[in-house]
C-alpha cells in the first residue's frame, strides 16, 4: 500500500511549488472522478488521467478506493518527489485551494463547502445509490416508478432549492460572491454526469434555461473557461462519455 508522506514541512513546501504535475487515477468513466478531473482542467494544471488495472492496483491505494490524486514535483533539485491523496472530498478541497477556487475568508469557505457538499451528496446518494443502484435489479414496472419519482420529485426538489440560493446571490451564476468557486465547478460536473445517467432529453425536461436559469448560468460560466472548454471537447473526455454510456447501458439499458 502507498502510504502517506508525513514530513509535513517538506510536504507544505512541495505543494506550494509552481512546478507541479498531477495524475488522477479513476475508472474510465465520469461519475466520482468527474469533479477532480474538472478541477484540474479548470485550474490549467499539468495533469494526466490514469485508468487502473483495478485488481492488480487496488491494494496499493491508500484506502483501496478511487479516485486517487498524485502530486509530483516537477522542478529542479529533488524533482520527482510525490505525494498521494485519496478520497473525493479531500482531493477536491485540496485542488480548489491550489487553483484559487475556495473562499477568501472562513465564512466564504464554509458557504462554498455547504453548496459543494449538497451537490456531491446529491449525486452519490440520490442519483447513484437511491435511484441508479437501488432500481437496477427491479422489474420493468418498478424501474418506471423509480424513474418517474426521480424526474418529477427528486430532481425538481434539488433544483428548486439550489435556484433559490443562486437567486439570493443576485442570480449572477455563482453560489458565493461574483467569481467561480469549487461549488460552481462541482454543480457543473454533477449536472454533466447526470446527463450520462438519465440521458440528455430527460435531463433537459428538468434543467433548462427557462426552468432553472440560475443553474444554467452557473454551467455556462464554468464552461466558458478556455481550459475547461478544452477538456470537455477533448478526445479523452469524449472517450469517457462513451465509456460512461456503456456503463449505464450495462446496468440500465432502458435509460440509454
C-alpha atoms as a PDB file:
ATOM      1  CA  UNK A   1       0.000   0.000   0.000  1.00  0.00           C
ATOM      2  CA  UNK A   2       1.192   3.509  -0.840  1.00  0.00           C
ATOM      3  CA  UNK A   3       1.416   5.314   2.491  1.00  0.00           C
ATOM      4  CA  UNK A   4       1.183   8.998   3.200  1.00  0.00           C
ATOM      5  CA  UNK A   5       4.375  11.006   3.477  1.00  0.00           C
ATOM      6  CA  UNK A   6       4.168  12.607   6.916  1.00  0.00           C
ATOM      7  CA  UNK A   7       7.073  15.047   6.679  1.00  0.00           C
ATOM      8  CA  UNK A   8       4.687  17.987   6.979  1.00  0.00           C
ATOM      9  CA  UNK A   9       7.170  20.819   6.495  1.00  0.00           C
ATOM     10  CA  UNK A  10       8.632  19.327   3.339  1.00  0.00           C
ATOM     11  CA  UNK A  11       5.173  18.477   2.033  1.00  0.00           C
ATOM     12  CA  UNK A  12       3.993  22.039   2.567  1.00  0.00           C
ATOM     13  CA  UNK A  13       6.943  23.339   0.565  1.00  0.00           C
ATOM     14  CA  UNK A  14       6.293  20.839  -2.200  1.00  0.00           C
ATOM     15  CA  UNK A  15       2.603  21.697  -2.715  1.00  0.00           C
ATOM     16  CA  UNK A  16       3.450  25.407  -2.708  1.00  0.00           C
ATOM     17  CA  UNK A  17       5.754  24.879  -5.683  1.00  0.00           C
ATOM     18  CA  UNK A  18       4.850  26.476  -9.000  1.00  0.00           C
ATOM     19  CA  UNK A  19       6.226  23.449 -10.838  1.00  0.00           C
ATOM     20  CA  UNK A  20       3.889  20.579 -10.108  1.00  0.00           C
ATOM     21  CA  UNK A  21       2.427  17.773 -12.163  1.00  0.00           C
ATOM     22  CA  UNK A  22      -0.605  15.744 -11.200  1.00  0.00           C
ATOM     23  CA  UNK A  23      -2.150  12.416 -12.049  1.00  0.00           C
ATOM     24  CA  UNK A  24      -5.732  11.477 -11.229  1.00  0.00           C
ATOM     25  CA  UNK A  25      -6.464   7.774 -11.080  1.00  0.00           C
ATOM     26  CA  UNK A  26     -10.074   6.694 -11.548  1.00  0.00           C
ATOM     27  CA  UNK A  27     -12.021   4.265 -13.683  1.00  0.00           C
ATOM     28  CA  UNK A  28     -12.501   5.003 -17.380  1.00  0.00           C
ATOM     29  CA  UNK A  29     -15.876   6.680 -16.797  1.00  0.00           C
ATOM     30  CA  UNK A  30     -17.009  10.053 -15.402  1.00  0.00           C
ATOM     31  CA  UNK A  31     -19.007   9.622 -12.166  1.00  0.00           C
ATOM     32  CA  UNK A  32     -16.964  10.019  -8.941  1.00  0.00           C
ATOM     33  CA  UNK A  33     -13.826  11.072 -10.813  1.00  0.00           C
ATOM     34  CA  UNK A  34     -15.539  13.865 -12.736  1.00  0.00           C
ATOM     35  CA  UNK A  35     -15.169  16.701 -10.225  1.00  0.00           C
ATOM     36  CA  UNK A  36     -11.445  16.189  -9.571  1.00  0.00           C
ATOM     37  CA  UNK A  37     -10.654  15.862 -13.278  1.00  0.00           C
ATOM     38  CA  UNK A  38     -12.647  19.018 -13.960  1.00  0.00           C
ATOM     39  CA  UNK A  39     -10.878  20.997 -11.235  1.00  0.00           C
ATOM     40  CA  UNK A  40      -7.509  20.013 -12.701  1.00  0.00           C
ATOM     41  CA  UNK A  41      -8.714  21.073 -16.144  1.00  0.00           C
ATOM     42  CA  UNK A  42     -10.293  24.315 -14.916  1.00  0.00           C
ATOM     43  CA  UNK A  43      -7.136  25.188 -12.993  1.00  0.00           C
ATOM     44  CA  UNK A  44      -4.974  24.707 -16.086  1.00  0.00           C
ATOM     45  CA  UNK A  45      -2.866  22.085 -14.332  1.00  0.00           C
ATOM     46  CA  UNK A  46      -0.231  19.900 -15.932  1.00  0.00           C
ATOM     47  CA  UNK A  47      -2.071  16.633 -15.341  1.00  0.00           C
ATOM     48  CA  UNK A  48      -2.695  13.175 -16.714  1.00  0.00           C
ATOM     49  CA  UNK A  49      -5.778  10.971 -16.251  1.00  0.00           C
ATOM     50  CA  UNK A  50      -4.856   7.412 -15.323  1.00  0.00           C
ATOM     51  CA  UNK A  51      -7.074   4.327 -15.507  1.00  0.00           C
ATOM     52  CA  UNK A  52      -6.148   1.443 -13.211  1.00  0.00           C
ATOM     53  CA  UNK A  53      -5.877  -2.277 -13.632  1.00  0.00           C
ATOM     54  CA  UNK A  54      -8.033  -2.393 -10.543  1.00  0.00           C
ATOM     55  CA  UNK A  55      -7.478  -5.933  -9.314  1.00  0.00           C
ATOM     56  CA  UNK A  56      -3.713  -5.513  -9.605  1.00  0.00           C
ATOM     57  CA  UNK A  57      -3.536  -1.975  -8.174  1.00  0.00           C
ATOM     58  CA  UNK A  58      -6.275  -1.926  -5.526  1.00  0.00           C
ATOM     59  CA  UNK A  59      -4.057  -2.802  -2.558  1.00  0.00           C
ATOM     60  CA  UNK A  60      -1.620  -0.019  -3.496  1.00  0.00           C
ATOM     61  CA  UNK A  61      -4.285   2.661  -2.990  1.00  0.00           C
ATOM     62  CA  UNK A  62      -4.428   4.399   0.417  1.00  0.00           C
ATOM     63  CA  UNK A  63      -7.971   3.234   1.238  1.00  0.00           C
ATOM     64  CA  UNK A  64      -8.293   0.700  -1.567  1.00  0.00           C
ATOM     65  CA  UNK A  65     -10.714   3.125  -3.196  1.00  0.00           C
ATOM     66  CA  UNK A  66     -10.682   5.623  -6.061  1.00  0.00           C
ATOM     67  CA  UNK A  67     -10.139   8.397  -7.051  1.00  0.00           C
ATOM     68  CA  UNK A  68      -6.515   8.958  -6.042  1.00  0.00           C
ATOM     69  CA  UNK A  69      -4.506  12.106  -6.744  1.00  0.00           C
ATOM     70  CA  UNK A  70      -0.727  12.141  -7.098  1.00  0.00           C
ATOM     71  CA  UNK A  71       1.098  15.460  -6.738  1.00  0.00           C
ATOM     72  CA  UNK A  72       4.528  15.268  -8.362  1.00  0.00           C
ATOM     73  CA  UNK A  73       7.381  17.738  -8.029  1.00  0.00           C
ATOM     74  CA  UNK A  74       8.419  18.894 -11.484  1.00  0.00           C
ATOM     75  CA  UNK A  75      11.242  21.369 -10.850  1.00  0.00           C
ATOM     76  CA  UNK A  76      14.992  21.174 -10.420  1.00  0.00           C
ATOM     77  CA  UNK A  77      16.500  19.797  -7.236  1.00  0.00           C
ATOM     78  CA  UNK A  78      14.723  16.739  -5.954  1.00  0.00           C
ATOM     79  CA  UNK A  79      12.304  16.649  -8.867  1.00  0.00           C
ATOM     80  CA  UNK A  80      10.042  13.658  -8.895  1.00  0.00           C
ATOM     81  CA  UNK A  81       9.078  13.604  -5.225  1.00  0.00           C
ATOM     82  CA  UNK A  82       5.467  12.540  -4.943  1.00  0.00           C
ATOM     83  CA  UNK A  83       2.540  12.931  -2.571  1.00  0.00           C
ATOM     84  CA  UNK A  84      -0.580  10.794  -2.669  1.00  0.00           C
ATOM     85  CA  UNK A  85      -4.058  11.952  -1.677  1.00  0.00           C
ATOM     86  CA  UNK A  86      -7.217   9.855  -1.573  1.00  0.00           C
ATOM     87  CA  UNK A  87     -10.959  10.445  -1.096  1.00  0.00           C
ATOM     88  CA  UNK A  88     -13.049  12.563  -3.442  1.00  0.00           C
ATOM     89  CA  UNK A  89     -13.904  15.270  -0.905  1.00  0.00           C
ATOM     90  CA  UNK A  90     -10.315  15.774   0.245  1.00  0.00           C
ATOM     91  CA  UNK A  91      -8.958  15.833  -3.314  1.00  0.00           C
ATOM     92  CA  UNK A  92     -11.498  18.423  -4.445  1.00  0.00           C
ATOM     93  CA  UNK A  93     -10.863  20.645  -1.418  1.00  0.00           C
ATOM     94  CA  UNK A  94      -7.111  20.494  -1.991  1.00  0.00           C
ATOM     95  CA  UNK A  95      -7.363  21.272  -5.711  1.00  0.00           C
ATOM     96  CA  UNK A  96      -9.776  24.139  -5.101  1.00  0.00           C
ATOM     97  CA  UNK A  97      -7.234  25.788  -2.826  1.00  0.00           C
ATOM     98  CA  UNK A  98      -4.393  25.085  -5.242  1.00  0.00           C
ATOM     99  CA  UNK A  99      -6.239  26.904  -8.041  1.00  0.00           C
ATOM    100  CA  UNK A 100      -7.868  29.769  -6.124  1.00  0.00           C
ATOM    101  CA  UNK A 101     -11.377  28.306  -6.199  1.00  0.00           C
ATOM    102  CA  UNK A 102     -12.057  28.428  -2.471  1.00  0.00           C
ATOM    103  CA  UNK A 103     -13.175  31.145  -0.083  1.00  0.00           C
ATOM    104  CA  UNK A 104     -11.340  34.342   0.714  1.00  0.00           C
ATOM    105  CA  UNK A 105     -12.294  34.027   4.392  1.00  0.00           C
ATOM    106  CA  UNK A 106     -13.641  31.367   6.748  1.00  0.00           C
ATOM    107  CA  UNK A 107     -17.299  32.247   6.130  1.00  0.00           C
ATOM    108  CA  UNK A 108     -16.958  32.103   2.353  1.00  0.00           C
ATOM    109  CA  UNK A 109     -15.157  28.791   2.682  1.00  0.00           C
ATOM    110  CA  UNK A 110     -17.953  27.394   4.841  1.00  0.00           C
ATOM    111  CA  UNK A 111     -20.607  28.512   2.353  1.00  0.00           C
ATOM    112  CA  UNK A 112     -18.700  27.087  -0.601  1.00  0.00           C
ATOM    113  CA  UNK A 113     -18.294  23.810   1.256  1.00  0.00           C
ATOM    114  CA  UNK A 114     -22.011  23.640   2.021  1.00  0.00           C
ATOM    115  CA  UNK A 115     -23.040  24.067  -1.628  1.00  0.00           C
ATOM    116  CA  UNK A 116     -20.301  21.674  -2.727  1.00  0.00           C
ATOM    117  CA  UNK A 117     -21.453  19.091  -0.190  1.00  0.00           C
ATOM    118  CA  UNK A 118     -25.062  19.401  -1.338  1.00  0.00           C
ATOM    119  CA  UNK A 119     -24.188  18.667  -4.973  1.00  0.00           C
ATOM    120  CA  UNK A 120     -21.662  15.993  -4.049  1.00  0.00           C
ATOM    121  CA  UNK A 121     -24.031  14.176  -1.700  1.00  0.00           C
ATOM    122  CA  UNK A 122     -26.952  14.507  -4.104  1.00  0.00           C
ATOM    123  CA  UNK A 123     -25.057  12.718  -6.842  1.00  0.00           C
ATOM    124  CA  UNK A 124     -23.602   9.947  -4.675  1.00  0.00           C
ATOM    125  CA  UNK A 125     -26.714   9.298  -2.585  1.00  0.00           C
ATOM    126  CA  UNK A 126     -29.812  10.355  -4.519  1.00  0.00           C
ATOM    127  CA  UNK A 127     -28.630   9.751  -8.081  1.00  0.00           C
ATOM    128  CA  UNK A 128     -26.403   6.708  -7.733  1.00  0.00           C
ATOM    129  CA  UNK A 129     -27.491   4.915  -4.550  1.00  0.00           C
ATOM    130  CA  UNK A 130     -31.204   5.665  -4.203  1.00  0.00           C
ATOM    131  CA  UNK A 131     -32.000   5.688  -7.915  1.00  0.00           C
ATOM    132  CA  UNK A 132     -29.362   4.013 -10.085  1.00  0.00           C
ATOM    133  CA  UNK A 133     -28.232   1.050  -7.984  1.00  0.00           C
ATOM    134  CA  UNK A 134     -31.396   0.507  -5.956  1.00  0.00           C
ATOM    135  CA  UNK A 135     -33.582   0.175  -9.051  1.00  0.00           C
ATOM    136  CA  UNK A 136     -31.102  -1.780 -11.186  1.00  0.00           C
ATOM    137  CA  UNK A 137     -32.443  -5.224 -10.258  1.00  0.00           C
ATOM    138  CA  UNK A 138     -36.137  -4.282 -10.105  1.00  0.00           C
ATOM    139  CA  UNK A 139     -38.863  -5.237 -12.568  1.00  0.00           C
ATOM    140  CA  UNK A 140     -39.573  -3.021 -15.583  1.00  0.00           C
ATOM    141  CA  UNK A 141     -42.671  -1.665 -13.866  1.00  0.00           C
ATOM    142  CA  UNK A 142     -40.754  -0.853 -10.694  1.00  0.00           C
ATOM    143  CA  UNK A 143     -37.950   0.764 -12.692  1.00  0.00           C
ATOM    144  CA  UNK A 144     -40.504   3.009 -14.389  1.00  0.00           C
ATOM    145  CA  UNK A 145     -41.833   4.080 -10.992  1.00  0.00           C
ATOM    146  CA  UNK A 146     -38.328   4.838  -9.734  1.00  0.00           C
ATOM    147  CA  UNK A 147     -37.607   6.933 -12.835  1.00  0.00           C
ATOM    148  CA  UNK A 148     -40.880   8.843 -12.596  1.00  0.00           C
ATOM    149  CA  UNK A 149     -40.263   9.679  -8.935  1.00  0.00           C
ATOM    150  CA  UNK A 150     -36.714  10.725  -9.700  1.00  0.00           C
ATOM    151  CA  UNK A 151     -37.733  13.023 -12.566  1.00  0.00           C
ATOM    152  CA  UNK A 152     -40.873  14.529 -11.002  1.00  0.00           C
ATOM    153  CA  UNK A 153     -39.872  14.803  -7.336  1.00  0.00           C
ATOM    154  CA  UNK A 154     -36.199  14.181  -6.530  1.00  0.00           C
ATOM    155  CA  UNK A 155     -34.580  16.303  -9.245  1.00  0.00           C
ATOM    156  CA  UNK A 156     -37.077  19.201  -9.132  1.00  0.00           C
ATOM    157  CA  UNK A 157     -36.702  19.451  -5.354  1.00  0.00           C
ATOM    158  CA  UNK A 158     -32.909  19.699  -5.574  1.00  0.00           C
ATOM    159  CA  UNK A 159     -33.061  22.211  -8.441  1.00  0.00           C
ATOM    160  CA  UNK A 160     -35.689  24.358  -6.634  1.00  0.00           C
ATOM    161  CA  UNK A 161     -33.504  24.608  -3.537  1.00  0.00           C
ATOM    162  CA  UNK A 162     -30.366  25.486  -5.496  1.00  0.00           C
ATOM    163  CA  UNK A 163     -32.195  28.006  -7.675  1.00  0.00           C
ATOM    164  CA  UNK A 164     -33.293  29.814  -4.512  1.00  0.00           C
ATOM    165  CA  UNK A 165     -29.706  30.044  -3.248  1.00  0.00           C
ATOM    166  CA  UNK A 166     -28.467  31.287  -6.619  1.00  0.00           C
ATOM    167  CA  UNK A 167     -31.215  33.900  -6.793  1.00  0.00           C
ATOM    168  CA  UNK A 168     -30.230  35.025  -3.307  1.00  0.00           C
ATOM    169  CA  UNK A 169     -26.736  35.672  -4.686  1.00  0.00           C
ATOM    170  CA  UNK A 170     -28.114  38.144  -7.248  1.00  0.00           C
ATOM    171  CA  UNK A 171     -28.604  35.467  -9.942  1.00  0.00           C
ATOM    172  CA  UNK A 172     -25.060  36.113 -11.170  1.00  0.00           C
ATOM    173  CA  UNK A 173     -24.240  32.488 -11.978  1.00  0.00           C
ATOM    174  CA  UNK A 174     -22.198  31.912  -8.825  1.00  0.00           C
ATOM    175  CA  UNK A 175     -23.039  30.429  -5.447  1.00  0.00           C
ATOM    176  CA  UNK A 176     -20.750  32.691  -3.428  1.00  0.00           C
ATOM    177  CA  UNK A 177     -19.616  36.193  -4.373  1.00  0.00           C
ATOM    178  CA  UNK A 178     -19.072  37.061  -8.011  1.00  0.00           C
ATOM    179  CA  UNK A 179     -16.467  34.505  -9.080  1.00  0.00           C
ATOM    180  CA  UNK A 180     -16.238  30.811  -9.883  1.00  0.00           C
ATOM    181  CA  UNK A 181     -15.548  28.590  -6.900  1.00  0.00           C
ATOM    182  CA  UNK A 182     -15.458  24.906  -6.030  1.00  0.00           C
ATOM    183  CA  UNK A 183     -19.224  24.973  -5.531  1.00  0.00           C
ATOM    184  CA  UNK A 184     -19.826  26.135  -9.114  1.00  0.00           C
ATOM    185  CA  UNK A 185     -17.480  23.553 -10.597  1.00  0.00           C
ATOM    186  CA  UNK A 186     -18.940  20.690  -8.551  1.00  0.00           C
ATOM    187  CA  UNK A 187     -22.511  21.500  -9.528  1.00  0.00           C
ATOM    188  CA  UNK A 188     -21.481  21.785 -13.177  1.00  0.00           C
ATOM    189  CA  UNK A 189     -19.757  18.399 -13.146  1.00  0.00           C
ATOM    190  CA  UNK A 190     -22.631  16.826 -11.217  1.00  0.00           C
ATOM    191  CA  UNK A 191     -25.179  18.034 -13.764  1.00  0.00           C
ATOM    192  CA  UNK A 192     -22.985  16.984 -16.671  1.00  0.00           C
ATOM    193  CA  UNK A 193     -22.549  13.486 -15.248  1.00  0.00           C
ATOM    194  CA  UNK A 194     -26.277  13.310 -14.546  1.00  0.00           C
ATOM    195  CA  UNK A 195     -26.918  13.576 -18.288  1.00  0.00           C
ATOM    196  CA  UNK A 196     -24.895  10.372 -18.762  1.00  0.00           C
ATOM    197  CA  UNK A 197     -27.167   8.591 -16.277  1.00  0.00           C
ATOM    198  CA  UNK A 198     -30.644   9.694 -17.394  1.00  0.00           C
ATOM    199  CA  UNK A 199     -29.992  10.895 -20.951  1.00  0.00           C
ATOM    200  CA  UNK A 200     -29.977  14.377 -22.459  1.00  0.00           C
ATOM    201  CA  UNK A 201     -33.701  14.616 -23.204  1.00  0.00           C
ATOM    202  CA  UNK A 202     -34.794  13.599 -19.704  1.00  0.00           C
ATOM    203  CA  UNK A 203     -32.219  15.951 -18.243  1.00  0.00           C
ATOM    204  CA  UNK A 204     -33.488  18.886 -20.297  1.00  0.00           C
ATOM    205  CA  UNK A 205     -37.051  18.253 -19.143  1.00  0.00           C
ATOM    206  CA  UNK A 206     -35.943  19.356 -15.663  1.00  0.00           C
ATOM    207  CA  UNK A 207     -32.865  21.529 -16.227  1.00  0.00           C
ATOM    208  CA  UNK A 208     -33.034  24.232 -18.889  1.00  0.00           C
ATOM    209  CA  UNK A 209     -32.625  27.985 -19.255  1.00  0.00           C
ATOM    210  CA  UNK A 210     -36.325  28.628 -18.588  1.00  0.00           C
ATOM    211  CA  UNK A 211     -36.927  26.322 -15.616  1.00  0.00           C
ATOM    212  CA  UNK A 212     -33.517  26.637 -13.951  1.00  0.00           C
ATOM    213  CA  UNK A 213     -31.940  29.920 -15.112  1.00  0.00           C
ATOM    214  CA  UNK A 214     -29.541  30.148 -12.164  1.00  0.00           C
ATOM    215  CA  UNK A 215     -28.108  26.672 -12.672  1.00  0.00           C
ATOM    216  CA  UNK A 216     -27.943  27.275 -16.425  1.00  0.00           C
ATOM    217  CA  UNK A 217     -25.842  30.384 -15.781  1.00  0.00           C
ATOM    218  CA  UNK A 218     -23.530  28.511 -13.380  1.00  0.00           C
ATOM    219  CA  UNK A 219     -22.828  25.863 -16.018  1.00  0.00           C
ATOM    220  CA  UNK A 220     -22.336  28.483 -18.741  1.00  0.00           C
ATOM    221  CA  UNK A 221     -19.844  30.405 -16.601  1.00  0.00           C
ATOM    222  CA  UNK A 222     -17.765  27.322 -15.790  1.00  0.00           C
ATOM    223  CA  UNK A 223     -17.804  26.026 -19.351  1.00  0.00           C
ATOM    224  CA  UNK A 224     -16.657  29.392 -20.708  1.00  0.00           C
ATOM    225  CA  UNK A 225     -13.205  28.961 -19.104  1.00  0.00           C
ATOM    226  CA  UNK A 226     -10.895  28.064 -22.040  1.00  0.00           C
ATOM    227  CA  UNK A 227      -9.008  25.350 -20.153  1.00  0.00           C
ATOM    228  CA  UNK A 228     -12.251  23.708 -19.055  1.00  0.00           C
ATOM    229  CA  UNK A 229     -13.810  24.032 -22.503  1.00  0.00           C
ATOM    230  CA  UNK A 230     -10.719  22.370 -23.988  1.00  0.00           C
ATOM    231  CA  UNK A 231     -11.126  19.454 -21.569  1.00  0.00           C
ATOM    232  CA  UNK A 232     -14.819  18.755 -22.265  1.00  0.00           C
ATOM    233  CA  UNK A 233     -14.192  19.000 -26.006  1.00  0.00           C
ATOM    234  CA  UNK A 234     -11.112  16.753 -25.955  1.00  0.00           C
ATOM    235  CA  UNK A 235     -10.930  13.248 -27.401  1.00  0.00           C
ATOM    236  CA  UNK A 236     -10.100  11.958 -23.911  1.00  0.00           C
ATOM    237  CA  UNK A 237     -13.310  13.402 -22.493  1.00  0.00           C
ATOM    238  CA  UNK A 238     -15.364  12.040 -25.380  1.00  0.00           C
ATOM    239  CA  UNK A 239     -13.885   8.605 -24.715  1.00  0.00           C
ATOM    240  CA  UNK A 240     -15.062   8.887 -21.107  1.00  0.00           C
ATOM    241  CA  UNK A 241     -18.503   9.892 -22.425  1.00  0.00           C
ATOM    242  CA  UNK A 242     -18.650   6.733 -24.493  1.00  0.00           C
ATOM    243  CA  UNK A 243     -17.456   4.510 -21.655  1.00  0.00           C
ATOM    244  CA  UNK A 244     -19.950   6.122 -19.261  1.00  0.00           C
ATOM    245  CA  UNK A 245     -22.828   5.469 -21.663  1.00  0.00           C
ATOM    246  CA  UNK A 246     -21.741   1.836 -21.948  1.00  0.00           C
ATOM    247  CA  UNK A 247     -21.596   1.582 -18.138  1.00  0.00           C
ATOM    248  CA  UNK A 248     -25.142   2.903 -17.793  1.00  0.00           C
ATOM    249  CA  UNK A 249     -26.405   0.632 -20.569  1.00  0.00           C
ATOM    250  CA  UNK A 250     -24.917  -2.420 -18.861  1.00  0.00           C
ATOM    251  CA  UNK A 251     -26.946  -1.747 -15.698  1.00  0.00           C
ATOM    252  CA  UNK A 252     -29.919   0.229 -17.029  1.00  0.00           C
ATOM    253  CA  UNK A 253     -30.447  -0.432 -20.752  1.00  0.00           C
ATOM    254  CA  UNK A 254     -33.823   1.289 -20.533  1.00  0.00           C
ATOM    255  CA  UNK A 255     -32.152   4.612 -19.756  1.00  0.00           C
ATOM    256  CA  UNK A 256     -29.943   4.698 -22.861  1.00  0.00           C
END
